[in-house]
């Protein structure tokens, strides 16, 4: 049978090891919080920029008459233009047609 002192020593070592694990987790959690804040701040910036791009594209489309013309002028694909315009919840079927339905 192990001596009482040996058991207490083992418990003390186990507690110390557990505390080290908890401290390391706390450090990672704090670092993750900083990284998550950076990530979501950047995502909000990207979302705002995409809305600005969509509004500008919609204005060009309104002046040029078609999504195709606006996409060509901006230098993006028609699919990308439609995705941007969808951010504005603009129903492109209600707007000017794309050269008689051809894209």
PDB file of N, CA and C in Angstrom:
ATOM      1  N   UNK A   1       0.845  -1.170   0.000  1.00  0.00           N
ATOM      2  CA  UNK A   1       0.000   0.000   0.000  1.00  0.00           C
ATOM      3  C   UNK A   1       0.895   1.240   0.000  1.00  0.00           C
ATOM      4  N   UNK A   2       0.511   2.222  -0.793  1.00  0.00           N
ATOM      5  CA  UNK A   2       1.317   3.430  -0.907  1.00  0.00           C
ATOM      6  C   UNK A   2       1.168   4.281   0.345  1.00  0.00           C
ATOM      7  N   UNK A   3       2.220   4.952   0.669  1.00  0.00           N
ATOM      8  CA  UNK A   3       2.199   5.822   1.837  1.00  0.00           C
ATOM      9  C   UNK A   3       1.311   7.028   1.561  1.00  0.00           C
ATOM     10  N   UNK A   4       0.753   7.613   2.615  1.00  0.00           N
ATOM     11  CA  UNK A   4      -0.123   8.773   2.489  1.00  0.00           C
ATOM     12  C   UNK A   4       0.603   9.927   1.819  1.00  0.00           C
ATOM     13  N   UNK A   5       1.846  10.130   2.161  1.00  0.00           N
ATOM     14  CA  UNK A   5       2.637  11.206   1.561  1.00  0.00           C
ATOM     15  C   UNK A   5       2.799  11.027   0.069  1.00  0.00           C
ATOM     16  N   UNK A   6       2.941   9.782  -0.369  1.00  0.00           N
ATOM     17  CA  UNK A   6       3.094   9.500  -1.795  1.00  0.00           C
ATOM     18  C   UNK A   6       1.795   9.804  -2.542  1.00  0.00           C
ATOM     19  N   UNK A   7       0.655   9.419  -1.932  1.00  0.00           N
ATOM     20  CA  UNK A   7      -0.637   9.698  -2.561  1.00  0.00           C
ATOM     21  C   UNK A   7      -0.885  11.196  -2.660  1.00  0.00           C
ATOM     22  N   UNK A   8      -0.552  11.930  -1.604  1.00  0.00           N
ATOM     23  CA  UNK A   8      -0.746  13.379  -1.627  1.00  0.00           C
ATOM     24  C   UNK A   8       0.168  14.014  -2.661  1.00  0.00           C
ATOM     25  N   UNK A   9       1.375  13.497  -2.788  1.00  0.00           N
ATOM     26  CA  UNK A   9       2.304  14.011  -3.770  1.00  0.00           C
ATOM     27  C   UNK A   9       1.762  13.766  -5.177  1.00  0.00           C
ATOM     28  N   UNK A  10       1.187  12.590  -5.410  1.00  0.00           N
ATOM     29  CA  UNK A  10       0.614  12.266  -6.716  1.00  0.00           C
ATOM     30  C   UNK A  10      -0.564  13.193  -7.013  1.00  0.00           C
ATOM     31  N   UNK A  11      -1.413  13.444  -6.029  1.00  0.00           N
ATOM     32  CA  UNK A  11      -2.542  14.357  -6.205  1.00  0.00           C
ATOM     33  C   UNK A  11      -2.064  15.772  -6.496  1.00  0.00           C
ATOM     34  N   UNK A  12      -1.028  16.191  -5.797  1.00  0.00           N
ATOM     35  CA  UNK A  12      -0.483  17.532  -6.031  1.00  0.00           C
ATOM     36  C   UNK A  12       0.053  17.641  -7.450  1.00  0.00           C
ATOM     37  N   UNK A  13       0.742  16.609  -7.917  1.00  0.00           N
ATOM     38  CA  UNK A  13       1.244  16.619  -9.303  1.00  0.00           C
ATOM     39  C   UNK A  13       0.087  16.632 -10.302  1.00  0.00           C
ATOM     40  N   UNK A  14      -0.956  15.865 -10.005  1.00  0.00           N
ATOM     41  CA  UNK A  14      -2.118  15.818 -10.898  1.00  0.00           C
ATOM     42  C   UNK A  14      -2.813  17.179 -10.946  1.00  0.00           C
ATOM     43  N   UNK A  15      -2.965  17.807  -9.784  1.00  0.00           N
ATOM     44  CA  UNK A  15      -3.573  19.148  -9.737  1.00  0.00           C
ATOM     45  C   UNK A  15      -2.742  20.153 -10.522  1.00  0.00           C
ATOM     46  N   UNK A  16      -1.437  20.097 -10.350  1.00  0.00           N
ATOM     47  CA  UNK A  16      -0.549  21.025 -11.057  1.00  0.00           C
ATOM     48  C   UNK A  16      -0.641  20.803 -12.574  1.00  0.00           C
ATOM     49  N   UNK A  17      -0.694  19.547 -12.978  1.00  0.00           N
ATOM     50  CA  UNK A  17      -0.811  19.251 -14.410  1.00  0.00           C
ATOM     51  C   UNK A  17      -2.145  19.748 -14.946  1.00  0.00           C
ATOM     52  N   UNK A  18      -3.206  19.547 -14.177  1.00  0.00           N
ATOM     53  CA  UNK A  18      -4.526  20.017 -14.572  1.00  0.00           C
ATOM     54  C   UNK A  18      -4.558  21.540 -14.671  1.00  0.00           C
ATOM     55  N   UNK A  19      -3.953  22.222 -13.742  1.00  0.00           N
ATOM     56  CA  UNK A  19      -3.899  23.684 -13.761  1.00  0.00           C
ATOM     57  C   UNK A  19      -3.134  24.185 -14.990  1.00  0.00           C
ATOM     58  N   UNK A  20      -2.084  23.469 -15.373  1.00  0.00           N
ATOM     59  CA  UNK A  20      -1.316  23.851 -16.563  1.00  0.00           C
ATOM     60  C   UNK A  20      -2.181  23.707 -17.817  1.00  0.00           C
ATOM     61  N   UNK A  21      -2.972  22.639 -17.878  1.00  0.00           N
ATOM     62  CA  UNK A  21      -3.874  22.430 -19.018  1.00  0.00           C
ATOM     63  C   UNK A  21      -4.919  23.552 -19.062  1.00  0.00           C
ATOM     64  N   UNK A  22      -5.479  23.882 -17.918  1.00  0.00           N
ATOM     65  CA  UNK A  22      -6.493  24.940 -17.847  1.00  0.00           C
ATOM     66  C   UNK A  22      -5.895  26.289 -18.237  1.00  0.00           C
ATOM     67  N   UNK A  23      -4.704  26.577 -17.779  1.00  0.00           N
ATOM     68  CA  UNK A  23      -4.048  27.843 -18.118  1.00  0.00           C
ATOM     69  C   UNK A  23      -3.760  27.928 -19.614  1.00  0.00           C
ATOM     70  N   UNK A  24      -3.309  26.844 -20.203  1.00  0.00           N
ATOM     71  CA  UNK A  24      -3.031  26.825 -21.645  1.00  0.00           C
ATOM     72  C   UNK A  24      -4.319  27.036 -22.431  1.00  0.00           C
ATOM     73  N   UNK A  25      -5.412  26.434 -21.991  1.00  0.00           N
ATOM     74  CA  UNK A  25      -6.712  26.595 -22.656  1.00  0.00           C
ATOM     75  C   UNK A  25      -7.148  28.060 -22.574  1.00  0.00           C
ATOM     76  N   UNK A  26      -6.955  28.687 -21.427  1.00  0.00           N
ATOM     77  CA  UNK A  26      -7.334  30.088 -21.239  1.00  0.00           C
ATOM     78  C   UNK A  26      -6.555  30.992 -22.202  1.00  0.00           C
ATOM     79  N   UNK A  27      -5.268  30.720 -22.350  1.00  0.00           N
ATOM     80  CA  UNK A  27      -4.439  31.505 -23.275  1.00  0.00           C
ATOM     81  C   UNK A  27      -4.949  31.338 -24.708  1.00  0.00           C
ATOM     82  N   UNK A  28      -5.271  30.096 -25.103  1.00  0.00           N
ATOM     83  CA  UNK A  28      -5.786  29.856 -26.458  1.00  0.00           C
ATOM     84  C   UNK A  28      -7.134  30.528 -26.648  1.00  0.00           C
ATOM     85  N   UNK A  29      -8.010  30.450 -25.635  1.00  0.00           N
ATOM     86  CA  UNK A  29      -9.324  31.088 -25.732  1.00  0.00           C
ATOM     87  C   UNK A  29      -9.211  32.600 -25.914  1.00  0.00           C
ATOM     88  N   UNK A  30      -8.307  33.224 -25.171  1.00  0.00           N
ATOM     89  CA  UNK A  30      -8.117  34.671 -25.298  1.00  0.00           C
ATOM     90  C   UNK A  30      -7.580  35.032 -26.678  1.00  0.00           C
ATOM     91  N   UNK A  31      -6.634  34.260 -27.179  1.00  0.00           N
ATOM     92  CA  UNK A  31      -6.085  34.502 -28.515  1.00  0.00           C
ATOM     93  C   UNK A  31      -7.157  34.270 -29.579  1.00  0.00           C
ATOM     94  N   UNK A  32      -7.971  33.232 -29.388  1.00  0.00           N
ATOM     95  CA  UNK A  32      -9.058  32.980 -30.335  1.00  0.00           C
ATOM     96  C   UNK A  32     -10.063  34.120 -30.351  1.00  0.00           C
ATOM     97  N   UNK A  33     -10.337  34.708 -29.205  1.00  0.00           N
ATOM     98  CA  UNK A  33     -11.287  35.816 -29.143  1.00  0.00           C
ATOM     99  C   UNK A  33     -10.782  36.994 -29.975  1.00  0.00           C
ATOM    100  N   UNK A  34      -9.502  37.285 -29.891  1.00  0.00           N
ATOM    101  CA  UNK A  34      -8.910  38.365 -30.691  1.00  0.00           C
ATOM    102  C   UNK A  34      -9.032  38.029 -32.178  1.00  0.00           C
ATOM    103  N   UNK A  35      -8.690  36.808 -32.548  1.00  0.00           N
ATOM    104  CA  UNK A  35      -8.766  36.395 -33.948  1.00  0.00           C
ATOM    105  C   UNK A  35     -10.205  36.398 -34.458  1.00  0.00           C
ATOM    106  N   UNK A  36     -11.138  35.943 -33.657  1.00  0.00           N
ATOM    107  CA  UNK A  36     -12.543  35.951 -34.066  1.00  0.00           C
ATOM    108  C   UNK A  36     -13.061  37.370 -34.266  1.00  0.00           C
ATOM    109  N   UNK A  37     -12.662  38.265 -33.390  1.00  0.00           N
ATOM    110  CA  UNK A  37     -13.062  39.668 -33.534  1.00  0.00           C
ATOM    111  C   UNK A  37     -12.512  40.242 -34.837  1.00  0.00           C
ATOM    112  N   UNK A  38     -11.253  39.968 -35.130  1.00  0.00           N
ATOM    113  CA  UNK A  38     -10.651  40.425 -36.389  1.00  0.00           C
ATOM    114  C   UNK A  38     -11.398  39.850 -37.589  1.00  0.00           C
ATOM    115  N   UNK A  39     -11.709  38.574 -37.526  1.00  0.00           N
ATOM    116  CA  UNK A  39     -12.392  37.897 -38.629  1.00  0.00           C
ATOM    117  C   UNK A  39     -13.758  38.532 -38.897  1.00  0.00           C
ATOM    118  N   UNK A  40     -14.565  38.680 -37.847  1.00  0.00           N
ATOM    119  CA  UNK A  40     -15.917  39.193 -38.046  1.00  0.00           C
ATOM    120  C   UNK A  40     -15.917  40.676 -38.420  1.00  0.00           C
ATOM    121  N   UNK A  41     -14.956  41.424 -37.946  1.00  0.00           N
ATOM    122  CA  UNK A  41     -14.826  42.822 -38.357  1.00  0.00           C
ATOM    123  C   UNK A  41     -14.520  42.899 -39.848  1.00  0.00           C
ATOM    124  N   UNK A  42     -13.615  42.062 -40.314  1.00  0.00           N
ATOM    125  CA  UNK A  42     -13.276  42.037 -41.745  1.00  0.00           C
ATOM    126  C   UNK A  42     -14.476  41.587 -42.571  1.00  0.00           C
ATOM    127  N   UNK A  43     -15.224  40.593 -42.093  1.00  0.00           N
ATOM    128  CA  UNK A  43     -16.394  40.109 -42.812  1.00  0.00           C
ATOM    129  C   UNK A  43     -17.435  41.214 -42.959  1.00  0.00           C
ATOM    130  N   UNK A  44     -17.633  41.997 -41.911  1.00  0.00           N
ATOM    131  CA  UNK A  44     -18.572  43.120 -41.994  1.00  0.00           C
ATOM    132  C   UNK A  44     -18.102  44.154 -43.005  1.00  0.00           C
ATOM    133  N   UNK A  45     -16.811  44.397 -43.065  1.00  0.00           N
ATOM    134  CA  UNK A  45     -16.247  45.336 -44.028  1.00  0.00           C
ATOM    135  C   UNK A  45     -16.458  44.833 -45.452  1.00  0.00           C
ATOM    136  N   UNK A  46     -16.230  43.537 -45.645  1.00  0.00           N
ATOM    137  CA  UNK A  46     -16.428  42.937 -46.967  1.00  0.00           C
ATOM    138  C   UNK A  46     -17.890  43.038 -47.375  1.00  0.00           C
ATOM    139  N   UNK A  47     -18.802  42.719 -46.464  1.00  0.00           N
ATOM    140  CA  UNK A  47     -20.231  42.797 -46.772  1.00  0.00           C
ATOM    141  C   UNK A  47     -20.633  44.219 -47.159  1.00  0.00           C
ATOM    142  N   UNK A  48     -20.135  45.195 -46.435  1.00  0.00           N
ATOM    143  CA  UNK A  48     -20.447  46.592 -46.746  1.00  0.00           C
ATOM    144  C   UNK A  48     -19.897  46.974 -48.115  1.00  0.00           C
ATOM    145  N   UNK A  49     -18.688  46.521 -48.426  1.00  0.00           N
ATOM    146  CA  UNK A  49     -18.087  46.824 -49.727  1.00  0.00           C
ATOM    147  C   UNK A  49     -18.881  46.163 -50.850  1.00  0.00           C
ATOM    148  N   UNK A  50     -19.332  44.940 -50.656  1.00  0.00           N
ATOM    149  CA  UNK A  50     -20.108  44.259 -51.689  1.00  0.00           C
ATOM    150  C   UNK A  50     -21.437  44.962 -51.934  1.00  0.00           C
ATOM    151  N   UNK A  51     -22.054  45.486 -50.894  1.00  0.00           N
ATOM    152  CA  UNK A  51     -23.289  46.252 -51.077  1.00  0.00           C
ATOM    153  C   UNK A  51     -23.029  47.529 -51.861  1.00  0.00           C
ATOM    154  N   UNK A  52     -21.930  48.180 -51.571  1.00  0.00           N
ATOM    155  CA  UNK A  52     -21.559  49.383 -52.326  1.00  0.00           C
ATOM    156  C   UNK A  52     -21.336  49.033 -53.789  1.00  0.00           C
ATOM    157  N   UNK A  53     -20.646  47.922 -54.047  1.00  0.00           N
ATOM    158  CA  UNK A  53     -20.418  47.470 -55.419  1.00  0.00           C
ATOM    159  C   UNK A  53     -21.753  47.173 -56.110  1.00  0.00           C
ATOM    160  N   UNK A  54     -22.667  46.514 -55.395  1.00  0.00           N
ATOM    161  CA  UNK A  54     -23.969  46.165 -55.971  1.00  0.00           C
ATOM    162  C   UNK A  54     -24.772  47.411 -56.318  1.00  0.00           C
ATOM    163  N   UNK A  55     -24.755  48.394 -55.440  1.00  0.00           N
ATOM    164  CA  UNK A  55     -25.472  49.648 -55.716  1.00  0.00           C
ATOM    165  C   UNK A  55     -24.902  50.348 -56.942  1.00  0.00           C
ATOM    166  N   UNK A  56     -23.582  50.399 -57.019  1.00  0.00           N
ATOM    167  CA  UNK A  56     -22.933  51.028 -58.174  1.00  0.00           C
ATOM    168  C   UNK A  56     -23.272  50.274 -59.455  1.00  0.00           C
ATOM    169  N   UNK A  57     -23.247  48.963 -59.404  1.00  0.00           N
ATOM    170  CA  UNK A  57     -23.575  48.155 -60.572  1.00  0.00           C
ATOM    171  C   UNK A  57     -25.024  48.376 -60.991  1.00  0.00           C
ATOM    172  N   UNK A  58     -25.927  48.471 -60.031  1.00  0.00           N
ATOM    173  CA  UNK A  58     -27.338  48.722 -60.335  1.00  0.00           C
ATOM    174  C   UNK A  58     -27.510  50.075 -61.018  1.00  0.00           C
ATOM    175  N   UNK A  59     -26.767  51.062 -60.553  1.00  0.00           N
ATOM    176  CA  UNK A  59     -26.836  52.381 -61.177  1.00  0.00           C
ATOM    177  C   UNK A  59     -26.335  52.329 -62.619  1.00  0.00           C
ATOM    178  N   UNK A  60     -25.239  51.605 -62.843  1.00  0.00           N
ATOM    179  CA  UNK A  60     -24.709  51.455 -64.203  1.00  0.00           C
ATOM    180  C   UNK A  60     -25.722  50.711 -65.069  1.00  0.00           C
ATOM    181  N   UNK A  61     -26.294  49.636 -64.526  1.00  0.00           N
ATOM    182  CA  UNK A  61     -27.301  48.876 -65.265  1.00  0.00           C
ATOM    183  C   UNK A  61     -28.474  49.771 -65.662  1.00  0.00           C
ATOM    184  N   UNK A  62     -28.913  50.604 -64.740  1.00  0.00           N
ATOM    185  CA  UNK A  62     -30.031  51.498 -65.032  1.00  0.00           C
ATOM    186  C   UNK A  62     -29.677  52.487 -66.148  1.00  0.00           C
ATOM    187  N   UNK A  63     -28.441  52.972 -66.149  1.00  0.00           N
ATOM    188  CA  UNK A  63     -28.028  53.913 -67.196  1.00  0.00           C
ATOM    189  C   UNK A  63     -27.775  53.220 -68.527  1.00  0.00           C
ATOM    190  N   UNK A  64     -27.169  52.030 -68.494  1.00  0.00           N
ATOM    191  CA  UNK A  64     -26.786  51.328 -69.721  1.00  0.00           C
ATOM    192  C   UNK A  64     -27.919  50.487 -70.299  1.00  0.00           C
ATOM    193  N   UNK A  65     -28.891  50.138 -69.481  1.00  0.00           N
ATOM    194  CA  UNK A  65     -30.057  49.429 -69.976  1.00  0.00           C
ATOM    195  C   UNK A  65     -30.068  47.932 -69.771  1.00  0.00           C
ATOM    196  N   UNK A  66     -28.920  47.320 -69.543  1.00  0.00           N
ATOM    197  CA  UNK A  66     -28.898  45.862 -69.347  1.00  0.00           C
ATOM    198  C   UNK A  66     -27.847  45.479 -68.307  1.00  0.00           C
ATOM    199  N   UNK A  67     -28.079  44.341 -67.706  1.00  0.00           N
ATOM    200  CA  UNK A  67     -27.098  43.794 -66.766  1.00  0.00           C
ATOM    201  C   UNK A  67     -25.841  43.405 -67.528  1.00  0.00           C
ATOM    202  N   UNK A  68     -26.029  42.872 -68.737  1.00  0.00           N
ATOM    203  CA  UNK A  68     -24.884  42.464 -69.550  1.00  0.00           C
ATOM    204  C   UNK A  68     -23.972  43.649 -69.844  1.00  0.00           C
ATOM    205  N   UNK A  69     -24.567  44.762 -70.225  1.00  0.00           N
ATOM    206  CA  UNK A  69     -23.768  45.954 -70.529  1.00  0.00           C
ATOM    207  C   UNK A  69     -23.043  46.444 -69.280  1.00  0.00           C
ATOM    208  N   UNK A  70     -23.733  46.430 -68.151  1.00  0.00           N
ATOM    209  CA  UNK A  70     -23.106  46.877 -66.902  1.00  0.00           C
ATOM    210  C   UNK A  70     -21.956  45.953 -66.522  1.00  0.00           C
ATOM    211  N   UNK A  71     -22.172  44.640 -66.645  1.00  0.00           N
ATOM    212  CA  UNK A  71     -21.123  43.674 -66.306  1.00  0.00           C
ATOM    213  C   UNK A  71     -19.912  43.867 -67.205  1.00  0.00           C
ATOM    214  N   UNK A  72     -20.158  44.067 -68.496  1.00  0.00           N
ATOM    215  CA  UNK A  72     -19.060  44.281 -69.446  1.00  0.00           C
ATOM    216  C   UNK A  72     -18.296  45.541 -69.101  1.00  0.00           C
ATOM    217  N   UNK A  73     -19.014  46.599 -68.795  1.00  0.00           N
ATOM    218  CA  UNK A  73     -18.369  47.866 -68.460  1.00  0.00           C
ATOM    219  C   UNK A  73     -17.505  47.737 -67.204  1.00  0.00           C
ATOM    220  N   UNK A  74     -18.019  47.015 -66.221  1.00  0.00           N
ATOM    221  CA  UNK A  74     -17.292  46.841 -64.960  1.00  0.00           C
ATOM    222  C   UNK A  74     -16.158  45.821 -65.114  1.00  0.00           C
ATOM    223  N   UNK A  75     -16.314  44.891 -66.055  1.00  0.00           N
ATOM    224  CA  UNK A  75     -15.285  43.883 -66.268  1.00  0.00           C
ATOM    225  C   UNK A  75     -15.483  42.633 -65.437  1.00  0.00           C
ATOM    226  N   UNK A  76     -16.753  42.286 -65.179  1.00  0.00           N
ATOM    227  CA  UNK A  76     -17.057  41.059 -64.444  1.00  0.00           C
ATOM    228  C   UNK A  76     -17.980  40.202 -65.303  1.00  0.00           C
ATOM    229  N   UNK A  77     -18.126  38.942 -64.913  1.00  0.00           N
ATOM    230  CA  UNK A  77     -19.018  38.061 -65.654  1.00  0.00           C
ATOM    231  C   UNK A  77     -20.465  38.424 -65.361  1.00  0.00           C
ATOM    232  N   UNK A  78     -21.328  38.028 -66.254  1.00  0.00           N
ATOM    233  CA  UNK A  78     -22.754  38.264 -66.057  1.00  0.00           C
ATOM    234  C   UNK A  78     -23.240  37.568 -64.787  1.00  0.00           C
ATOM    235  N   UNK A  79     -22.736  36.373 -64.530  1.00  0.00           N
ATOM    236  CA  UNK A  79     -23.114  35.645 -63.316  1.00  0.00           C
ATOM    237  C   UNK A  79     -22.728  36.396 -62.045  1.00  0.00           C
ATOM    238  N   UNK A  80     -21.517  36.950 -62.051  1.00  0.00           N
ATOM    239  CA  UNK A  80     -21.083  37.721 -60.883  1.00  0.00           C
ATOM    240  C   UNK A  80     -21.925  38.980 -60.719  1.00  0.00           C
ATOM    241  N   UNK A  81     -22.276  39.596 -61.843  1.00  0.00           N
ATOM    242  CA  UNK A  81     -23.114  40.790 -61.786  1.00  0.00           C
ATOM    243  C   UNK A  81     -24.472  40.452 -61.187  1.00  0.00           C
ATOM    244  N   UNK A  82     -25.037  39.346 -61.617  1.00  0.00           N
ATOM    245  CA  UNK A  82     -26.346  38.946 -61.078  1.00  0.00           C
ATOM    246  C   UNK A  82     -26.269  38.629 -59.592  1.00  0.00           C
ATOM    247  N   UNK A  83     -25.178  38.004 -59.178  1.00  0.00           N
ATOM    248  CA  UNK A  83     -25.004  37.713 -57.744  1.00  0.00           C
ATOM    249  C   UNK A  83     -24.929  38.998 -56.938  1.00  0.00           C
ATOM    250  N   UNK A  84     -24.202  39.978 -57.457  1.00  0.00           N
ATOM    251  CA  UNK A  84     -24.112  41.262 -56.755  1.00  0.00           C
ATOM    252  C   UNK A  84     -25.475  41.926 -56.680  1.00  0.00           C
ATOM    253  N   UNK A  85     -26.181  41.953 -57.795  1.00  0.00           N
ATOM    254  CA  UNK A  85     -27.493  42.595 -57.814  1.00  0.00           C
ATOM    255  C   UNK A  85     -28.482  41.881 -56.899  1.00  0.00           C
ATOM    256  N   UNK A  86     -28.319  40.584 -56.748  1.00  0.00           N
ATOM    257  CA  UNK A  86     -29.197  39.823 -55.847  1.00  0.00           C
ATOM    258  C   UNK A  86     -29.036  40.288 -54.402  1.00  0.00           C
ATOM    259  N   UNK A  87     -27.881  40.826 -54.079  1.00  0.00           N
ATOM    260  CA  UNK A  87     -27.674  41.339 -52.717  1.00  0.00           C
ATOM    261  C   UNK A  87     -28.634  42.479 -52.413  1.00  0.00           C
ATOM    262  N   UNK A  88     -29.045  43.177 -53.421  1.00  0.00           N
ATOM    263  CA  UNK A  88     -29.964  44.296 -53.243  1.00  0.00           C
ATOM    264  C   UNK A  88     -31.421  43.842 -53.286  1.00  0.00           C
ATOM    265  N   UNK A  89     -31.622  42.570 -53.474  1.00  0.00           N
ATOM    266  CA  UNK A  89     -32.964  42.000 -53.584  1.00  0.00           C
ATOM    267  C   UNK A  89     -33.704  42.640 -54.754  1.00  0.00           C
ATOM    268  N   UNK A  90     -32.945  42.920 -55.832  1.00  0.00           N
ATOM    269  CA  UNK A  90     -33.548  43.462 -57.040  1.00  0.00           C
ATOM    270  C   UNK A  90     -33.952  42.290 -57.912  1.00  0.00           C
ATOM    271  N   UNK A  91     -35.191  42.271 -58.299  1.00  0.00           N
ATOM    272  CA  UNK A  91     -35.652  41.227 -59.198  1.00  0.00           C
ATOM    273  C   UNK A  91     -35.286  41.664 -60.611  1.00  0.00           C
ATOM    274  N   UNK A  92     -34.265  41.040 -61.198  1.00  0.00           N
ATOM    275  CA  UNK A  92     -33.782  41.465 -62.517  1.00  0.00           C
ATOM    276  C   UNK A  92     -34.809  41.202 -63.606  1.00  0.00           C
ATOM    277  N   UNK A  93     -35.801  40.354 -63.350  1.00  0.00           N
ATOM    278  CA  UNK A  93     -36.834  40.127 -64.355  1.00  0.00           C
ATOM    279  C   UNK A  93     -37.739  41.343 -64.503  1.00  0.00           C
ATOM    280  N   UNK A  94     -37.866  42.170 -63.462  1.00  0.00           N
ATOM    281  CA  UNK A  94     -38.694  43.359 -63.519  1.00  0.00           C
ATOM    282  C   UNK A  94     -37.968  44.542 -64.143  1.00  0.00           C
ATOM    283  N   UNK A  95     -36.654  44.455 -64.203  1.00  0.00           N
ATOM    284  CA  UNK A  95     -35.865  45.547 -64.763  1.00  0.00           C
ATOM    285  C   UNK A  95     -35.755  45.413 -66.259  1.00  0.00           C
ATOM    286  N   UNK A  96     -34.889  46.237 -66.853  1.00  0.00           N
ATOM    287  CA  UNK A  96     -34.690  46.166 -68.296  1.00  0.00           C
ATOM    288  C   UNK A  96     -34.183  44.791 -68.699  1.00  0.00           C
ATOM    289  N   UNK A  97     -34.568  44.348 -69.859  1.00  0.00           N
ATOM    290  CA  UNK A  97     -34.167  43.011 -70.292  1.00  0.00           C
ATOM    291  C   UNK A  97     -32.708  43.024 -70.725  1.00  0.00           C
ATOM    292  N   UNK A  98     -32.133  41.835 -70.783  1.00  0.00           N
ATOM    293  CA  UNK A  98     -30.755  41.667 -71.244  1.00  0.00           C
ATOM    294  C   UNK A  98     -30.768  41.366 -72.738  1.00  0.00           C
ATOM    295  N   UNK A  99     -30.831  42.383 -73.564  1.00  0.00           N
ATOM    296  CA  UNK A  99     -30.805  42.235 -75.021  1.00  0.00           C
ATOM    297  C   UNK A  99     -31.761  41.143 -75.488  1.00  0.00           C
ATOM    298  N   UNK A 100     -33.024  41.286 -75.155  1.00  0.00           N
ATOM    299  CA  UNK A 100     -34.011  40.335 -75.640  1.00  0.00           C
ATOM    300  C   UNK A 100     -33.899  38.970 -75.014  1.00  0.00           C
ATOM    301  N   UNK A 101     -33.346  38.888 -73.810  1.00  0.00           N
ATOM    302  CA  UNK A 101     -33.257  37.633 -73.081  1.00  0.00           C
ATOM    303  C   UNK A 101     -31.972  36.879 -73.325  1.00  0.00           C
ATOM    304  N   UNK A 102     -31.124  37.347 -74.253  1.00  0.00           N
ATOM    305  CA  UNK A 102     -29.852  36.674 -74.488  1.00  0.00           C
ATOM    306  C   UNK A 102     -28.782  37.296 -73.629  1.00  0.00           C
ATOM    307  N   UNK A 103     -27.917  36.469 -73.081  1.00  0.00           N
ATOM    308  CA  UNK A 103     -26.848  36.966 -72.208  1.00  0.00           C
ATOM    309  C   UNK A 103     -25.509  36.772 -72.813  1.00  0.00           C
TER     310      UNK A 103
END
